[in-house]
Amino acid sequence: MVKIENIRPGDIEAESFRIIGELLGDRKLDPRYEHIIKRCIHTSADFDYADSLYFSEDAEERIARGIREGAVIVTDTKMAQAGINKAGIAKYGGQVLCYIGDSDVAEEAKSRGLTRSYVSMEKAARLGRPVIFAIGNAPTALMAICDLAEAGQLDPVAVIGVPVGFVNVEASKERLIRSGIPCIVARGRKGGSNIAACIVNAIQYSFEEEF
Protein backbone atom coordinates (compact mmCIF):
# COMPACT_ATOMS: atom_id res chain seq x y z
CA MET A 1 0.00 0.00 0.00
CA VAL A 2 1.27 3.48 -0.92
CA LYS A 3 1.60 5.74 2.09
CA ILE A 4 -0.12 9.12 1.74
CA GLU A 5 1.71 11.88 3.58
CA ASN A 6 -0.20 14.61 5.36
CA ILE A 7 1.27 17.78 3.88
CA ARG A 8 -0.21 21.24 4.23
CA PRO A 9 -1.39 22.72 0.90
CA GLY A 10 1.15 25.53 1.08
CA ASP A 11 4.01 23.08 1.46
CA ILE A 12 3.20 20.79 -1.47
CA GLU A 13 5.14 22.74 -4.09
CA ALA A 14 8.18 23.14 -1.85
CA GLU A 15 8.18 19.43 -1.10
CA SER A 16 7.83 18.64 -4.81
CA PHE A 17 10.91 20.70 -5.62
CA ARG A 18 12.81 19.04 -2.78
CA ILE A 19 12.00 15.63 -4.25
CA ILE A 20 13.04 16.80 -7.72
CA GLY A 21 16.40 17.94 -6.36
CA GLU A 22 16.84 14.62 -4.57
CA LEU A 23 16.02 12.59 -7.69
CA LEU A 24 18.36 14.67 -9.83
CA GLY A 25 21.13 13.53 -7.52
CA ASP A 26 24.57 14.61 -8.70
CA ARG A 27 23.33 15.79 -12.10
CA LYS A 28 24.51 19.37 -12.62
CA LEU A 29 22.09 21.82 -14.16
CA ASP A 30 23.14 25.14 -15.64
CA PRO A 31 22.53 27.49 -12.68
CA ARG A 32 21.29 30.21 -15.05
CA TYR A 33 18.35 28.05 -16.09
CA GLU A 34 17.90 25.68 -13.18
CA HIS A 35 14.66 27.35 -12.03
CA ILE A 36 13.12 26.87 -15.48
CA ILE A 37 14.31 23.28 -15.90
CA LYS A 38 13.02 22.26 -12.47
CA ARG A 39 9.66 23.90 -13.06
CA CYS A 40 9.28 22.00 -16.34
CA ILE A 41 10.05 18.78 -14.47
CA HIS A 42 7.61 19.79 -11.73
CA THR A 43 4.89 20.45 -14.31
CA SER A 44 5.39 17.20 -16.24
CA ALA A 45 7.13 14.77 -13.83
CA ASP A 46 9.47 14.20 -16.79
CA PHE A 47 13.18 14.37 -16.03
CA ASP A 48 14.09 14.41 -19.74
CA TYR A 49 13.76 18.19 -19.55
CA ALA A 50 17.00 18.24 -17.60
CA ASP A 51 18.72 17.41 -20.89
CA SER A 52 16.42 18.53 -23.71
CA LEU A 53 15.90 22.23 -23.01
CA TYR A 54 17.89 24.56 -25.25
CA PHE A 55 18.44 28.20 -24.30
CA SER A 56 19.84 30.74 -26.73
CA GLU A 57 22.27 33.04 -24.99
CA ASP A 58 19.98 35.94 -24.12
CA ALA A 59 16.48 34.44 -24.44
CA GLU A 60 15.56 34.35 -20.77
CA GLU A 61 16.86 37.87 -20.17
CA ARG A 62 14.89 39.17 -23.15
CA ILE A 63 11.69 37.47 -21.96
CA ALA A 64 12.10 38.84 -18.42
CA ARG A 65 12.80 42.33 -19.72
CA GLY A 66 9.93 42.08 -22.19
CA ILE A 67 7.47 41.15 -19.44
CA ARG A 68 8.69 44.03 -17.29
CA GLU A 69 8.25 46.42 -20.23
CA GLY A 70 4.70 45.30 -21.01
CA ALA A 71 5.23 43.02 -23.99
CA VAL A 72 2.32 40.99 -25.33
CA ILE A 73 2.55 37.22 -24.91
CA VAL A 74 0.95 35.31 -27.78
CA THR A 75 0.18 31.61 -27.41
CA ASP A 76 -0.94 29.04 -29.96
CA THR A 77 -3.54 27.42 -27.70
CA LYS A 78 -6.17 28.50 -25.21
CA MET A 79 -4.65 26.00 -22.78
CA ALA A 80 -1.30 27.79 -22.79
CA GLN A 81 -3.07 31.12 -22.46
CA ALA A 82 -5.05 29.82 -19.48
CA GLY A 83 -1.93 28.41 -17.79
CA ILE A 84 0.06 31.64 -17.76
CA ASN A 85 -0.17 33.79 -14.64
CA LYS A 86 -1.89 36.73 -16.29
CA ALA A 87 -2.09 38.87 -13.15
CA GLY A 88 1.70 39.03 -13.06
CA ILE A 89 1.83 39.95 -16.76
CA ALA A 90 -0.89 42.59 -16.44
CA LYS A 91 0.91 44.25 -13.51
CA TYR A 92 3.52 45.46 -16.01
CA GLY A 93 0.97 46.45 -18.66
CA GLY A 94 1.18 43.27 -20.72
CA GLN A 95 -1.46 40.89 -22.06
CA VAL A 96 -1.68 37.20 -22.89
CA LEU A 97 -3.43 36.69 -26.23
CA CYS A 98 -4.46 33.72 -28.33
CA TYR A 99 -6.02 34.10 -31.77
CA ILE A 100 -6.58 30.43 -32.56
CA GLY A 101 -10.35 30.63 -32.02
CA ASP A 102 -10.94 33.92 -33.85
CA SER A 103 -13.43 33.68 -36.70
CA ASP A 104 -11.32 35.81 -39.07
CA VAL A 105 -8.35 33.50 -38.48
CA ALA A 106 -10.46 30.41 -39.18
CA GLU A 107 -11.92 31.90 -42.38
CA GLU A 108 -8.55 33.03 -43.73
CA ALA A 109 -6.89 29.72 -42.89
CA LYS A 110 -9.60 27.85 -44.77
CA SER A 111 -9.46 30.12 -47.81
CA ARG A 112 -5.65 29.90 -48.06
CA GLY A 113 -5.29 26.23 -47.17
CA LEU A 114 -3.19 26.96 -44.09
CA THR A 115 -3.49 25.99 -40.45
CA ARG A 116 -5.15 28.39 -38.04
CA SER A 117 -1.93 28.33 -36.04
CA TYR A 118 0.00 29.72 -39.01
CA VAL A 119 -2.53 32.47 -39.69
CA SER A 120 -2.79 33.38 -36.01
CA MET A 121 0.96 34.08 -35.96
CA GLU A 122 0.49 36.36 -38.99
CA LYS A 123 -2.19 38.21 -37.05
CA ALA A 124 0.16 38.56 -34.09
CA ALA A 125 2.81 40.04 -36.38
CA ARG A 126 0.43 42.92 -37.12
CA LEU A 127 0.05 43.92 -33.46
CA GLY A 128 2.66 46.64 -33.68
CA ARG A 129 3.87 45.85 -30.16
CA PRO A 130 6.76 43.79 -28.75
CA VAL A 131 5.68 40.14 -28.73
CA ILE A 132 6.87 37.08 -26.81
CA PHE A 133 5.61 33.85 -28.35
CA ALA A 134 4.80 30.81 -26.19
CA ILE A 135 4.18 27.88 -28.56
CA GLY A 136 3.32 24.51 -27.05
CA ASN A 137 1.27 22.70 -29.65
CA ALA A 138 1.66 23.71 -33.28
CA PRO A 139 4.86 23.31 -35.28
CA THR A 140 3.23 25.37 -38.04
CA ALA A 141 3.20 28.30 -35.60
CA LEU A 142 6.99 28.05 -35.32
CA MET A 143 7.25 27.80 -39.10
CA ALA A 144 5.14 30.95 -39.47
CA ILE A 145 7.28 32.84 -36.97
CA CYS A 146 10.44 31.87 -38.85
CA ASP A 147 8.89 32.71 -42.24
CA LEU A 148 7.70 36.12 -41.02
CA ALA A 149 11.05 36.91 -39.41
CA GLU A 150 12.93 35.97 -42.57
CA ALA A 151 10.59 38.22 -44.58
CA GLY A 152 11.28 41.14 -42.24
CA GLN A 153 7.66 41.22 -41.06
CA LEU A 154 8.31 40.13 -37.48
CA ASP A 155 11.01 40.72 -34.89
CA PRO A 156 9.98 38.79 -31.76
CA VAL A 157 11.29 39.61 -28.31
CA ALA A 158 11.82 35.85 -28.01
CA VAL A 159 10.09 32.55 -28.73
CA ILE A 160 9.35 29.68 -26.37
CA GLY A 161 9.16 26.79 -28.83
CA VAL A 162 7.97 23.59 -27.18
CA PRO A 163 5.34 21.99 -29.44
CA VAL A 164 4.61 18.34 -28.75
CA GLY A 165 3.98 15.61 -31.31
CA PHE A 166 5.37 13.76 -34.30
CA VAL A 167 4.76 15.62 -37.59
CA ASN A 168 7.26 18.42 -38.27
CA VAL A 169 7.76 18.95 -34.54
CA GLU A 170 11.50 18.31 -34.36
CA ALA A 171 12.18 20.00 -37.69
CA SER A 172 10.32 23.17 -36.70
CA LYS A 173 12.20 23.40 -33.41
CA GLU A 174 15.57 22.96 -35.07
CA ARG A 175 14.66 25.58 -37.68
CA LEU A 176 13.82 28.00 -34.87
CA ILE A 177 17.20 27.36 -33.23
CA ARG A 178 19.02 27.90 -36.54
CA SER A 179 17.07 31.08 -37.27
CA GLY A 180 18.94 33.11 -34.67
CA ILE A 181 15.69 34.27 -33.07
CA PRO A 182 16.17 34.36 -29.26
CA CYS A 183 14.50 31.18 -28.07
CA ILE A 184 13.95 28.51 -25.46
CA VAL A 185 13.29 25.14 -27.10
CA ALA A 186 12.42 21.65 -25.85
CA ARG A 187 14.34 19.58 -28.37
CA GLY A 188 12.78 16.34 -29.54
CA ARG A 189 9.11 15.38 -29.60
CA LYS A 190 8.18 16.39 -26.05
CA GLY A 191 6.62 19.64 -24.92
CA GLY A 192 3.08 20.91 -24.72
CA SER A 193 0.94 23.89 -23.78
CA ASN A 194 1.56 23.24 -20.09
CA ILE A 195 5.32 23.43 -20.65
CA ALA A 196 5.02 26.65 -22.67
CA ALA A 197 2.99 28.22 -19.87
CA CYS A 198 5.26 26.99 -17.10
CA ILE A 199 8.36 28.46 -18.76
CA VAL A 200 6.69 31.89 -18.88
CA ASN A 201 5.66 31.49 -15.25
CA ALA A 202 9.10 30.32 -14.14
CA ILE A 203 10.69 33.41 -15.65
CA GLN A 204 8.26 35.88 -14.15
CA TYR A 205 8.39 34.16 -10.73
CA SER A 206 12.20 34.37 -10.77
CA PHE A 207 12.32 38.12 -11.13
CA GLU A 208 9.35 38.69 -8.80
CA GLU A 209 11.48 37.11 -6.07
CA GLU A 210 14.07 39.86 -6.54
CA PHE A 211 11.77 42.46 -4.99
C-alpha atoms as a PDB file:
ATOM      1  CA  MET A   1       0.000   0.000   0.000  1.00  0.00           C
ATOM      2  CA  VAL A   2       1.271   3.481  -0.919  1.00  0.00           C
ATOM      3  CA  LYS A   3       1.597   5.740   2.094  1.00  0.00           C
ATOM      4  CA  ILE A   4      -0.115   9.116   1.742  1.00  0.00           C
ATOM      5  CA  GLU A   5       1.711  11.877   3.577  1.00  0.00           C
ATOM      6  CA  ASN A   6      -0.204  14.608   5.363  1.00  0.00           C
ATOM      7  CA  ILE A   7       1.267  17.782   3.879  1.00  0.00           C
ATOM      8  CA  ARG A   8      -0.213  21.237   4.226  1.00  0.00           C
ATOM      9  CA  PRO A   9      -1.392  22.724   0.904  1.00  0.00           C
ATOM     10  CA  GLY A  10       1.147  25.534   1.076  1.00  0.00           C
ATOM     11  CA  ASP A  11       4.009  23.079   1.463  1.00  0.00           C
ATOM     12  CA  ILE A  12       3.196  20.788  -1.473  1.00  0.00           C
ATOM     13  CA  GLU A  13       5.142  22.741  -4.086  1.00  0.00           C
ATOM     14  CA  ALA A  14       8.179  23.141  -1.849  1.00  0.00           C
ATOM     15  CA  GLU A  15       8.178  19.426  -1.103  1.00  0.00           C
ATOM     16  CA  SER A  16       7.834  18.636  -4.807  1.00  0.00           C
ATOM     17  CA  PHE A  17      10.913  20.704  -5.621  1.00  0.00           C
ATOM     18  CA  ARG A  18      12.806  19.044  -2.781  1.00  0.00           C
ATOM     19  CA  ILE A  19      11.999  15.633  -4.246  1.00  0.00           C
ATOM     20  CA  ILE A  20      13.039  16.799  -7.722  1.00  0.00           C
ATOM     21  CA  GLY A  21      16.397  17.938  -6.358  1.00  0.00           C
ATOM     22  CA  GLU A  22      16.837  14.621  -4.569  1.00  0.00           C
ATOM     23  CA  LEU A  23      16.025  12.591  -7.689  1.00  0.00           C
ATOM     24  CA  LEU A  24      18.357  14.672  -9.833  1.00  0.00           C
ATOM     25  CA  GLY A  25      21.133  13.526  -7.518  1.00  0.00           C
ATOM     26  CA  ASP A  26      24.568  14.614  -8.703  1.00  0.00           C
ATOM     27  CA  ARG A  27      23.329  15.791 -12.102  1.00  0.00           C
ATOM     28  CA  LYS A  28      24.510  19.365 -12.619  1.00  0.00           C
ATOM     29  CA  LEU A  29      22.090  21.822 -14.164  1.00  0.00           C
ATOM     30  CA  ASP A  30      23.140  25.143 -15.645  1.00  0.00           C
ATOM     31  CA  PRO A  31      22.527  27.491 -12.685  1.00  0.00           C
ATOM     32  CA  ARG A  32      21.294  30.212 -15.046  1.00  0.00           C
ATOM     33  CA  TYR A  33      18.354  28.054 -16.086  1.00  0.00           C
ATOM     34  CA  GLU A  34      17.900  25.682 -13.175  1.00  0.00           C
ATOM     35  CA  HIS A  35      14.664  27.345 -12.030  1.00  0.00           C
ATOM     36  CA  ILE A  36      13.119  26.868 -15.479  1.00  0.00           C
ATOM     37  CA  ILE A  37      14.305  23.284 -15.897  1.00  0.00           C
ATOM     38  CA  LYS A  38      13.024  22.262 -12.467  1.00  0.00           C
ATOM     39  CA  ARG A  39       9.657  23.902 -13.057  1.00  0.00           C
ATOM     40  CA  CYS A  40       9.283  21.999 -16.336  1.00  0.00           C
ATOM     41  CA  ILE A  41      10.048  18.780 -14.467  1.00  0.00           C
ATOM     42  CA  HIS A  42       7.610  19.793 -11.726  1.00  0.00           C
ATOM     43  CA  THR A  43       4.887  20.446 -14.313  1.00  0.00           C
ATOM     44  CA  SER A  44       5.387  17.204 -16.235  1.00  0.00           C
ATOM     45  CA  ALA A  45       7.129  14.774 -13.831  1.00  0.00           C
ATOM     46  CA  ASP A  46       9.470  14.198 -16.789  1.00  0.00           C
ATOM     47  CA  PHE A  47      13.185  14.366 -16.031  1.00  0.00           C
ATOM     48  CA  ASP A  48      14.090  14.407 -19.743  1.00  0.00           C
ATOM     49  CA  TYR A  49      13.761  18.192 -19.550  1.00  0.00           C
ATOM     50  CA  ALA A  50      17.003  18.238 -17.599  1.00  0.00           C
ATOM     51  CA  ASP A  51      18.722  17.411 -20.890  1.00  0.00           C
ATOM     52  CA  SER A  52      16.423  18.530 -23.709  1.00  0.00           C
ATOM     53  CA  LEU A  53      15.900  22.226 -23.009  1.00  0.00           C
ATOM     54  CA  TYR A  54      17.891  24.557 -25.252  1.00  0.00           C
ATOM     55  CA  PHE A  55      18.441  28.198 -24.301  1.00  0.00           C
ATOM     56  CA  SER A  56      19.844  30.737 -26.728  1.00  0.00           C
ATOM     57  CA  GLU A  57      22.269  33.044 -24.985  1.00  0.00           C
ATOM     58  CA  ASP A  58      19.976  35.944 -24.123  1.00  0.00           C
ATOM     59  CA  ALA A  59      16.482  34.439 -24.440  1.00  0.00           C
ATOM     60  CA  GLU A  60      15.560  34.349 -20.765  1.00  0.00           C
ATOM     61  CA  GLU A  61      16.863  37.872 -20.167  1.00  0.00           C
ATOM     62  CA  ARG A  62      14.887  39.170 -23.145  1.00  0.00           C
ATOM     63  CA  ILE A  63      11.688  37.473 -21.961  1.00  0.00           C
ATOM     64  CA  ALA A  64      12.097  38.841 -18.422  1.00  0.00           C
ATOM     65  CA  ARG A  65      12.799  42.334 -19.716  1.00  0.00           C
ATOM     66  CA  GLY A  66       9.927  42.079 -22.189  1.00  0.00           C
ATOM     67  CA  ILE A  67       7.472  41.146 -19.439  1.00  0.00           C
ATOM     68  CA  ARG A  68       8.691  44.029 -17.289  1.00  0.00           C
ATOM     69  CA  GLU A  69       8.249  46.419 -20.232  1.00  0.00           C
ATOM     70  CA  GLY A  70       4.696  45.296 -21.006  1.00  0.00           C
ATOM     71  CA  ALA A  71       5.228  43.016 -23.990  1.00  0.00           C
ATOM     72  CA  VAL A  72       2.318  40.987 -25.332  1.00  0.00           C
ATOM     73  CA  ILE A  73       2.555  37.221 -24.913  1.00  0.00           C
ATOM     74  CA  VAL A  74       0.945  35.313 -27.780  1.00  0.00           C
ATOM     75  CA  THR A  75       0.177  31.612 -27.411  1.00  0.00           C
ATOM     76  CA  ASP A  76      -0.935  29.040 -29.959  1.00  0.00           C
ATOM     77  CA  THR A  77      -3.540  27.419 -27.697  1.00  0.00           C
ATOM     78  CA  LYS A  78      -6.172  28.501 -25.208  1.00  0.00           C
ATOM     79  CA  MET A  79      -4.650  25.997 -22.776  1.00  0.00           C
ATOM     80  CA  ALA A  80      -1.296  27.791 -22.790  1.00  0.00           C
ATOM     81  CA  GLN A  81      -3.074  31.123 -22.462  1.00  0.00           C
ATOM     82  CA  ALA A  82      -5.046  29.820 -19.476  1.00  0.00           C
ATOM     83  CA  GLY A  83      -1.932  28.408 -17.791  1.00  0.00           C
ATOM     84  CA  ILE A  84       0.062  31.643 -17.760  1.00  0.00           C
ATOM     85  CA  ASN A  85      -0.169  33.793 -14.639  1.00  0.00           C
ATOM     86  CA  LYS A  86      -1.893  36.728 -16.287  1.00  0.00           C
ATOM     87  CA  ALA A  87      -2.086  38.866 -13.148  1.00  0.00           C
ATOM     88  CA  GLY A  88       1.703  39.026 -13.060  1.00  0.00           C
ATOM     89  CA  ILE A  89       1.831  39.951 -16.757  1.00  0.00           C
ATOM     90  CA  ALA A  90      -0.894  42.593 -16.436  1.00  0.00           C
ATOM     91  CA  LYS A  91       0.914  44.246 -13.514  1.00  0.00           C
ATOM     92  CA  TYR A  92       3.516  45.456 -16.009  1.00  0.00           C
ATOM     93  CA  GLY A  93       0.969  46.452 -18.656  1.00  0.00           C
ATOM     94  CA  GLY A  94       1.183  43.267 -20.720  1.00  0.00           C
ATOM     95  CA  GLN A  95      -1.457  40.895 -22.060  1.00  0.00           C
ATOM     96  CA  VAL A  96      -1.676  37.204 -22.889  1.00  0.00           C
ATOM     97  CA  LEU A  97      -3.430  36.694 -26.226  1.00  0.00           C
ATOM     98  CA  CYS A  98      -4.461  33.718 -28.330  1.00  0.00           C
ATOM     99  CA  TYR A  99      -6.021  34.104 -31.769  1.00  0.00           C
ATOM    100  CA  ILE A 100      -6.580  30.430 -32.564  1.00  0.00           C
ATOM    101  CA  GLY A 101     -10.353  30.629 -32.023  1.00  0.00           C
ATOM    102  CA  ASP A 102     -10.941  33.918 -33.851  1.00  0.00           C
ATOM    103  CA  SER A 103     -13.434  33.685 -36.698  1.00  0.00           C
ATOM    104  CA  ASP A 104     -11.322  35.806 -39.067  1.00  0.00           C
ATOM    105  CA  VAL A 105      -8.349  33.501 -38.480  1.00  0.00           C
ATOM    106  CA  ALA A 106     -10.461  30.413 -39.182  1.00  0.00           C
ATOM    107  CA  GLU A 107     -11.916  31.905 -42.378  1.00  0.00           C
ATOM    108  CA  GLU A 108      -8.555  33.034 -43.728  1.00  0.00           C
ATOM    109  CA  ALA A 109      -6.889  29.724 -42.894  1.00  0.00           C
ATOM    110  CA  LYS A 110      -9.604  27.850 -44.775  1.00  0.00           C
ATOM    111  CA  SER A 111      -9.458  30.118 -47.814  1.00  0.00           C
ATOM    112  CA  ARG A 112      -5.646  29.901 -48.064  1.00  0.00           C
ATOM    113  CA  GLY A 113      -5.293  26.229 -47.174  1.00  0.00           C
ATOM    114  CA  LEU A 114      -3.191  26.961 -44.091  1.00  0.00           C
ATOM    115  CA  THR A 115      -3.487  25.987 -40.452  1.00  0.00           C
ATOM    116  CA  ARG A 116      -5.152  28.387 -38.038  1.00  0.00           C
ATOM    117  CA  SER A 117      -1.932  28.329 -36.039  1.00  0.00           C
ATOM    118  CA  TYR A 118      -0.001  29.718 -39.011  1.00  0.00           C
ATOM    119  CA  VAL A 119      -2.531  32.467 -39.685  1.00  0.00           C
ATOM    120  CA  SER A 120      -2.787  33.380 -36.010  1.00  0.00           C
ATOM    121  CA  MET A 121       0.959  34.080 -35.964  1.00  0.00           C
ATOM    122  CA  GLU A 122       0.492  36.360 -38.985  1.00  0.00           C
ATOM    123  CA  LYS A 123      -2.192  38.207 -37.053  1.00  0.00           C
ATOM    124  CA  ALA A 124       0.156  38.560 -34.087  1.00  0.00           C
ATOM    125  CA  ALA A 125       2.809  40.045 -36.378  1.00  0.00           C
ATOM    126  CA  ARG A 126       0.425  42.917 -37.123  1.00  0.00           C
ATOM    127  CA  LEU A 127       0.051  43.915 -33.460  1.00  0.00           C
ATOM    128  CA  GLY A 128       2.660  46.637 -33.679  1.00  0.00           C
ATOM    129  CA  ARG A 129       3.870  45.853 -30.161  1.00  0.00           C
ATOM    130  CA  PRO A 130       6.758  43.794 -28.752  1.00  0.00           C
ATOM    131  CA  VAL A 131       5.678  40.138 -28.728  1.00  0.00           C
ATOM    132  CA  ILE A 132       6.869  37.079 -26.806  1.00  0.00           C
ATOM    133  CA  PHE A 133       5.606  33.846 -28.352  1.00  0.00           C
ATOM    134  CA  ALA A 134       4.799  30.809 -26.189  1.00  0.00           C
ATOM    135  CA  ILE A 135       4.179  27.884 -28.561  1.00  0.00           C
ATOM    136  CA  GLY A 136       3.316  24.509 -27.054  1.00  0.00           C
ATOM    137  CA  ASN A 137       1.270  22.696 -29.647  1.00  0.00           C
ATOM    138  CA  ALA A 138       1.660  23.712 -33.284  1.00  0.00           C
ATOM    139  CA  PRO A 139       4.864  23.308 -35.285  1.00  0.00           C
ATOM    140  CA  THR A 140       3.232  25.373 -38.038  1.00  0.00           C
ATOM    141  CA  ALA A 141       3.197  28.298 -35.597  1.00  0.00           C
ATOM    142  CA  LEU A 142       6.985  28.046 -35.317  1.00  0.00           C
ATOM    143  CA  MET A 143       7.248  27.804 -39.099  1.00  0.00           C
ATOM    144  CA  ALA A 144       5.136  30.948 -39.470  1.00  0.00           C
ATOM    145  CA  ILE A 145       7.282  32.844 -36.969  1.00  0.00           C
ATOM    146  CA  CYS A 146      10.444  31.871 -38.846  1.00  0.00           C
ATOM    147  CA  ASP A 147       8.894  32.713 -42.235  1.00  0.00           C
ATOM    148  CA  LEU A 148       7.703  36.121 -41.021  1.00  0.00           C
ATOM    149  CA  ALA A 149      11.052  36.912 -39.406  1.00  0.00           C
ATOM    150  CA  GLU A 150      12.927  35.969 -42.574  1.00  0.00           C
ATOM    151  CA  ALA A 151      10.591  38.218 -44.578  1.00  0.00           C
ATOM    152  CA  GLY A 152      11.276  41.142 -42.244  1.00  0.00           C
ATOM    153  CA  GLN A 153       7.662  41.225 -41.065  1.00  0.00           C
ATOM    154  CA  LEU A 154       8.307  40.133 -37.479  1.00  0.00           C
ATOM    155  CA  ASP A 155      11.011  40.725 -34.885  1.00  0.00           C
ATOM    156  CA  PRO A 156       9.985  38.787 -31.756  1.00  0.00           C
ATOM    157  CA  VAL A 157      11.290  39.609 -28.310  1.00  0.00           C
ATOM    158  CA  ALA A 158      11.816  35.848 -28.006  1.00  0.00           C
ATOM    159  CA  VAL A 159      10.092  32.554 -28.732  1.00  0.00           C
ATOM    160  CA  ILE A 160       9.349  29.684 -26.374  1.00  0.00           C
ATOM    161  CA  GLY A 161       9.159  26.786 -28.829  1.00  0.00           C
ATOM    162  CA  VAL A 162       7.968  23.592 -27.176  1.00  0.00           C
ATOM    163  CA  PRO A 163       5.343  21.989 -29.439  1.00  0.00           C
ATOM    164  CA  VAL A 164       4.612  18.341 -28.754  1.00  0.00           C
ATOM    165  CA  GLY A 165       3.980  15.611 -31.314  1.00  0.00           C
ATOM    166  CA  PHE A 166       5.370  13.756 -34.297  1.00  0.00           C
ATOM    167  CA  VAL A 167       4.758  15.615 -37.593  1.00  0.00           C
ATOM    168  CA  ASN A 168       7.264  18.424 -38.266  1.00  0.00           C
ATOM    169  CA  VAL A 169       7.763  18.947 -34.535  1.00  0.00           C
ATOM    170  CA  GLU A 170      11.498  18.311 -34.356  1.00  0.00           C
ATOM    171  CA  ALA A 171      12.182  19.998 -37.689  1.00  0.00           C
ATOM    172  CA  SER A 172      10.316  23.168 -36.700  1.00  0.00           C
ATOM    173  CA  LYS A 173      12.198  23.396 -33.413  1.00  0.00           C
ATOM    174  CA  GLU A 174      15.567  22.959 -35.073  1.00  0.00           C
ATOM    175  CA  ARG A 175      14.658  25.575 -37.676  1.00  0.00           C
ATOM    176  CA  LEU A 176      13.823  28.004 -34.867  1.00  0.00           C
ATOM    177  CA  ILE A 177      17.195  27.359 -33.230  1.00  0.00           C
ATOM    178  CA  ARG A 178      19.019  27.896 -36.537  1.00  0.00           C
ATOM    179  CA  SER A 179      17.069  31.083 -37.267  1.00  0.00           C
ATOM    180  CA  GLY A 180      18.936  33.111 -34.675  1.00  0.00           C
ATOM    181  CA  ILE A 181      15.690  34.270 -33.071  1.00  0.00           C
ATOM    182  CA  PRO A 182      16.171  34.356 -29.263  1.00  0.00           C
ATOM    183  CA  CYS A 183      14.497  31.182 -28.068  1.00  0.00           C
ATOM    184  CA  ILE A 184      13.950  28.512 -25.460  1.00  0.00           C
ATOM    185  CA  VAL A 185      13.288  25.143 -27.099  1.00  0.00           C
ATOM    186  CA  ALA A 186      12.424  21.651 -25.853  1.00  0.00           C
ATOM    187  CA  ARG A 187      14.341  19.576 -28.372  1.00  0.00           C
ATOM    188  CA  GLY A 188      12.780  16.342 -29.539  1.00  0.00           C
ATOM    189  CA  ARG A 189       9.109  15.380 -29.600  1.00  0.00           C
ATOM    190  CA  LYS A 190       8.184  16.389 -26.049  1.00  0.00           C
ATOM    191  CA  GLY A 191       6.623  19.641 -24.922  1.00  0.00           C
ATOM    192  CA  GLY A 192       3.077  20.912 -24.719  1.00  0.00           C
ATOM    193  CA  SER A 193       0.945  23.888 -23.784  1.00  0.00           C
ATOM    194  CA  ASN A 194       1.563  23.242 -20.093  1.00  0.00           C
ATOM    195  CA  ILE A 195       5.322  23.431 -20.654  1.00  0.00           C
ATOM    196  CA  ALA A 196       5.025  26.654 -22.671  1.00  0.00           C
ATOM    197  CA  ALA A 197       2.995  28.223 -19.871  1.00  0.00           C
ATOM    198  CA  CYS A 198       5.260  26.986 -17.097  1.00  0.00           C
ATOM    199  CA  ILE A 199       8.358  28.463 -18.758  1.00  0.00           C
ATOM    200  CA  VAL A 200       6.691  31.887 -18.878  1.00  0.00           C
ATOM    201  CA  ASN A 201       5.659  31.494 -15.246  1.00  0.00           C
ATOM    202  CA  ALA A 202       9.102  30.322 -14.143  1.00  0.00           C
ATOM    203  CA  ILE A 203      10.695  33.413 -15.648  1.00  0.00           C
ATOM    204  CA  GLN A 204       8.262  35.877 -14.150  1.00  0.00           C
ATOM    205  CA  TYR A 205       8.390  34.162 -10.730  1.00  0.00           C
ATOM    206  CA  SER A 206      12.196  34.369 -10.773  1.00  0.00           C
ATOM    207  CA  PHE A 207      12.324  38.122 -11.127  1.00  0.00           C
ATOM    208  CA  GLU A 208       9.355  38.687  -8.805  1.00  0.00           C
ATOM    209  CA  GLU A 209      11.475  37.110  -6.075  1.00  0.00           C
ATOM    210  CA  GLU A 210      14.070  39.859  -6.539  1.00  0.00           C
ATOM    211  CA  PHE A 211      11.774  42.458  -4.987  1.00  0.00           C
END
